[in-house]
């Protein structure tokens, strides 16, 4: 990973002072600046809404991030 420039490093340091909710909102706004295709954005919005609805209805069981992270990193990696 490339090191951050001075301005990006300062922004990152300031962002870390925000609450998790505010960092997530900031990330969403920053990500939208990289995705300029309205159809892609609409598709992602619909997918996120669908997943939120599934959780709120109780159709899916959530697990803590610590458990999910262990499961992700326990999977064998594909060789390139």
C-alpha atoms as a PDB file:
ATOM      1  CA  UNK A   1       0.000   0.000   0.000  1.00  0.00           C
ATOM      2  CA  UNK A   2       1.299   3.442  -0.855  1.00  0.00           C
ATOM      3  CA  UNK A   3       1.903   5.831   2.016  1.00  0.00           C
ATOM      4  CA  UNK A   4      -0.583   8.669   2.311  1.00  0.00           C
ATOM      5  CA  UNK A   5       0.384  12.153   1.210  1.00  0.00           C
ATOM      6  CA  UNK A   6       0.576  14.842   3.903  1.00  0.00           C
ATOM      7  CA  UNK A   7      -2.963  16.102   3.290  1.00  0.00           C
ATOM      8  CA  UNK A   8      -4.439  12.620   3.116  1.00  0.00           C
ATOM      9  CA  UNK A   9      -2.556  11.609   6.277  1.00  0.00           C
ATOM     10  CA  UNK A  10      -3.971  14.623   8.152  1.00  0.00           C
ATOM     11  CA  UNK A  11      -7.491  13.861   6.898  1.00  0.00           C
ATOM     12  CA  UNK A  12      -7.096  10.232   7.976  1.00  0.00           C
ATOM     13  CA  UNK A  13      -5.873  11.239  11.429  1.00  0.00           C
ATOM     14  CA  UNK A  14      -8.833  13.597  11.849  1.00  0.00           C
ATOM     15  CA  UNK A  15     -11.282  10.969  10.549  1.00  0.00           C
ATOM     16  CA  UNK A  16     -10.105   8.523  13.209  1.00  0.00           C
ATOM     17  CA  UNK A  17     -11.354  10.968  15.845  1.00  0.00           C
ATOM     18  CA  UNK A  18     -14.925  10.575  14.547  1.00  0.00           C
ATOM     19  CA  UNK A  19     -17.447   8.091  15.889  1.00  0.00           C
ATOM     20  CA  UNK A  20     -17.798   4.813  14.013  1.00  0.00           C
ATOM     21  CA  UNK A  21     -21.121   6.014  12.606  1.00  0.00           C
ATOM     22  CA  UNK A  22     -19.595   9.260  11.313  1.00  0.00           C
ATOM     23  CA  UNK A  23     -16.591   7.403   9.842  1.00  0.00           C
ATOM     24  CA  UNK A  24     -18.969   5.081   8.003  1.00  0.00           C
ATOM     25  CA  UNK A  25     -20.958   8.033   6.658  1.00  0.00           C
ATOM     26  CA  UNK A  26     -17.751   9.757   5.561  1.00  0.00           C
ATOM     27  CA  UNK A  27     -16.575   6.579   3.862  1.00  0.00           C
ATOM     28  CA  UNK A  28     -19.870   6.301   1.992  1.00  0.00           C
ATOM     29  CA  UNK A  29     -19.532   9.871   0.732  1.00  0.00           C
ATOM     30  CA  UNK A  30     -15.913   9.354  -0.299  1.00  0.00           C
ATOM     31  CA  UNK A  31     -16.748   6.107  -2.074  1.00  0.00           C
ATOM     32  CA  UNK A  32     -19.443   7.872  -4.086  1.00  0.00           C
ATOM     33  CA  UNK A  33     -16.807  10.266  -5.441  1.00  0.00           C
ATOM     34  CA  UNK A  34     -15.071   7.242  -6.997  1.00  0.00           C
ATOM     35  CA  UNK A  35     -18.225   5.659  -8.420  1.00  0.00           C
ATOM     36  CA  UNK A  36     -19.687   8.054 -10.948  1.00  0.00           C
ATOM     37  CA  UNK A  37     -22.033   5.613 -12.715  1.00  0.00           C
ATOM     38  CA  UNK A  38     -25.587   6.325 -11.483  1.00  0.00           C
ATOM     39  CA  UNK A  39     -26.756   2.823 -12.458  1.00  0.00           C
ATOM     40  CA  UNK A  40     -23.999   1.223 -10.381  1.00  0.00           C
ATOM     41  CA  UNK A  41     -24.835   3.471  -7.422  1.00  0.00           C
ATOM     42  CA  UNK A  42     -28.542   2.645  -7.730  1.00  0.00           C
ATOM     43  CA  UNK A  43     -27.785  -1.076  -7.869  1.00  0.00           C
ATOM     44  CA  UNK A  44     -25.600  -0.881  -4.752  1.00  0.00           C
ATOM     45  CA  UNK A  45     -28.216   1.192  -2.940  1.00  0.00           C
ATOM     46  CA  UNK A  46     -30.856  -1.446  -3.757  1.00  0.00           C
ATOM     47  CA  UNK A  47     -28.562  -4.276  -2.623  1.00  0.00           C
ATOM     48  CA  UNK A  48     -27.748  -2.547   0.665  1.00  0.00           C
ATOM     49  CA  UNK A  49     -31.442  -1.826   1.280  1.00  0.00           C
ATOM     50  CA  UNK A  50     -32.306  -5.494   0.528  1.00  0.00           C
ATOM     51  CA  UNK A  51     -29.700  -6.721   3.011  1.00  0.00           C
ATOM     52  CA  UNK A  52     -30.787  -4.271   5.708  1.00  0.00           C
ATOM     53  CA  UNK A  53     -34.392  -5.378   5.227  1.00  0.00           C
ATOM     54  CA  UNK A  54     -33.349  -9.043   5.602  1.00  0.00           C
ATOM     55  CA  UNK A  55     -31.603  -8.294   8.883  1.00  0.00           C
ATOM     56  CA  UNK A  56     -34.481  -6.195  10.217  1.00  0.00           C
ATOM     57  CA  UNK A  57     -37.039  -8.906   9.342  1.00  0.00           C
ATOM     58  CA  UNK A  58     -34.885 -11.530  11.027  1.00  0.00           C
ATOM     59  CA  UNK A  59     -34.430 -13.501   7.801  1.00  0.00           C
ATOM     60  CA  UNK A  60     -30.671 -13.694   8.306  1.00  0.00           C
ATOM     61  CA  UNK A  61     -28.561 -14.216  11.386  1.00  0.00           C
ATOM     62  CA  UNK A  62     -25.793 -11.713  12.007  1.00  0.00           C
ATOM     63  CA  UNK A  63     -22.461 -12.533  13.580  1.00  0.00           C
ATOM     64  CA  UNK A  64     -19.937 -10.263  15.286  1.00  0.00           C
ATOM     65  CA  UNK A  65     -17.180  -8.788  13.090  1.00  0.00           C
ATOM     66  CA  UNK A  66     -14.545 -10.616  15.136  1.00  0.00           C
ATOM     67  CA  UNK A  67     -16.120 -13.968  14.151  1.00  0.00           C
ATOM     68  CA  UNK A  68     -16.627 -12.971  10.502  1.00  0.00           C
ATOM     69  CA  UNK A  69     -13.027 -11.762  10.252  1.00  0.00           C
ATOM     70  CA  UNK A  70     -11.718 -15.084  11.580  1.00  0.00           C
ATOM     71  CA  UNK A  71     -13.866 -16.967   9.063  1.00  0.00           C
ATOM     72  CA  UNK A  72     -12.656 -14.832   6.156  1.00  0.00           C
ATOM     73  CA  UNK A  73      -8.989 -15.190   7.027  1.00  0.00           C
ATOM     74  CA  UNK A  74      -9.308 -18.918   7.784  1.00  0.00           C
ATOM     75  CA  UNK A  75     -10.291 -19.647   4.169  1.00  0.00           C
ATOM     76  CA  UNK A  76      -7.542 -20.950   1.919  1.00  0.00           C
ATOM     77  CA  UNK A  77      -6.278 -18.328  -0.491  1.00  0.00           C
ATOM     78  CA  UNK A  78      -6.323 -18.990  -4.218  1.00  0.00           C
ATOM     79  CA  UNK A  79      -2.962 -19.011  -5.909  1.00  0.00           C
ATOM     80  CA  UNK A  80      -2.482 -16.595  -8.785  1.00  0.00           C
END
